[in-house]
Amino acid sequence: MTLATISVDRLLALLLGLRYKQVVSLRRTYSIAITFWIASAVTSAIQFWNGLIALWCGIIGIALCIIISTFYYTKIFFILRPQQNHA
């Protein structure tokens, strides 16, 4: 989840430029971090109730994070590539 969040953050920094600090505030950062901690705690607690559900939550979560990271880093690449060729 952390790596997917970093990829989203880097894309926002690239797209927003100087407005980045207005959009990505400390309060929003804390709320995202707390949400991820709660989601991780719930997924861990499910392990004690039903291991199969926890396994599927893990598989879906990991797959989703990989898809998000791949998509956003690809988007970053295609935004920065023309700038590199221009220089």
Protein backbone atom coordinates (compact mmCIF):
# COMPACT_ATOMS: atom_id res chain seq x y z
CA MET A 1 0.00 0.00 0.00
CA THR A 2 2.85 2.35 0.79
CA LEU A 3 4.46 1.92 -2.63
CA ALA A 4 1.13 2.50 -4.40
CA THR A 5 0.62 5.63 -2.31
CA ILE A 6 4.09 6.90 -3.21
CA SER A 7 3.35 6.44 -6.92
CA VAL A 8 0.10 8.41 -6.57
CA ASP A 9 1.94 11.11 -4.62
CA ARG A 10 4.64 11.43 -7.28
CA LEU A 11 2.07 11.74 -10.04
CA LEU A 12 0.21 14.40 -8.08
CA ALA A 13 3.46 16.30 -7.54
CA LEU A 14 4.16 16.15 -11.27
CA LEU A 15 0.69 17.16 -12.39
CA LEU A 16 -0.10 19.79 -9.76
CA GLY A 17 3.24 21.58 -9.66
CA LEU A 18 3.02 24.59 -7.36
CA ARG A 19 -0.53 23.71 -6.22
CA TYR A 20 0.75 20.44 -4.72
CA LYS A 21 1.11 21.81 -1.18
CA GLN A 22 -2.46 23.14 -1.26
CA VAL A 23 -3.97 19.84 -2.39
CA VAL A 24 -1.77 17.42 -0.44
CA SER A 25 -2.12 18.76 3.07
CA LEU A 26 -0.81 17.29 6.29
CA ARG A 27 -4.36 16.51 7.42
CA ARG A 28 -5.09 14.52 4.26
CA THR A 29 -1.80 12.68 4.61
CA TYR A 30 -2.65 11.69 8.18
CA SER A 31 -6.12 10.54 7.17
CA ILE A 32 -4.72 8.34 4.40
CA ALA A 33 -2.11 6.83 6.73
CA ILE A 34 -4.74 6.10 9.41
CA THR A 35 -7.05 4.56 6.79
CA PHE A 36 -4.27 2.23 5.64
CA TRP A 37 -3.46 1.25 9.22
CA ILE A 38 -7.11 0.45 9.92
CA ALA A 39 -7.41 -1.56 6.69
CA SER A 40 -4.29 -3.52 7.60
CA ALA A 41 -5.56 -4.15 11.14
CA VAL A 42 -8.94 -5.35 9.86
CA THR A 43 -7.29 -7.66 7.34
CA SER A 44 -5.06 -9.04 10.09
CA ALA A 45 -8.03 -9.54 12.41
CA ILE A 46 -9.90 -11.43 9.69
CA GLN A 47 -7.05 -13.95 9.76
CA PHE A 48 -8.27 -15.16 13.17
CA TRP A 49 -11.86 -15.47 11.96
CA ASN A 50 -11.37 -17.08 8.55
CA GLY A 51 -7.96 -17.63 6.98
CA LEU A 52 -9.36 -18.11 3.47
CA ILE A 53 -11.02 -14.69 3.46
CA ALA A 54 -7.80 -13.11 4.71
CA LEU A 55 -5.88 -14.85 1.94
CA TRP A 56 -8.24 -13.50 -0.71
CA CYS A 57 -8.10 -10.01 0.81
CA GLY A 58 -4.32 -10.18 0.63
CA ILE A 59 -4.29 -11.40 -2.97
CA ILE A 60 -6.76 -8.74 -4.09
CA GLY A 61 -4.97 -6.00 -2.13
CA ILE A 62 -1.55 -6.87 -3.50
CA ALA A 63 -2.86 -7.15 -7.05
CA LEU A 64 -4.64 -3.81 -6.75
CA CYS A 65 -1.51 -2.10 -5.41
CA ILE A 66 0.61 -3.53 -8.22
CA ILE A 67 -1.91 -2.39 -10.83
CA ILE A 68 -2.09 1.13 -9.33
CA SER A 69 1.70 1.47 -9.12
CA THR A 70 2.22 0.18 -12.65
CA PHE A 71 -0.46 2.45 -14.11
CA TYR A 72 0.75 5.61 -12.35
CA TYR A 73 4.46 5.05 -13.01
CA THR A 74 3.63 4.39 -16.67
CA LYS A 75 1.68 7.63 -16.76
CA ILE A 76 4.62 9.47 -15.14
CA PHE A 77 6.96 7.94 -17.72
CA PHE A 78 4.83 9.12 -20.64
CA ILE A 79 4.58 12.61 -19.17
CA LEU A 80 8.33 12.96 -18.59
CA ARG A 81 9.56 11.19 -21.74
CA PRO A 82 8.82 14.07 -24.16
CA GLN A 83 10.54 16.50 -21.78
CA GLN A 84 13.67 14.33 -21.77
CA ASN A 85 13.68 14.09 -25.57
CA HIS A 86 13.23 17.84 -25.85
CA ALA A 87 16.27 18.63 -23.70
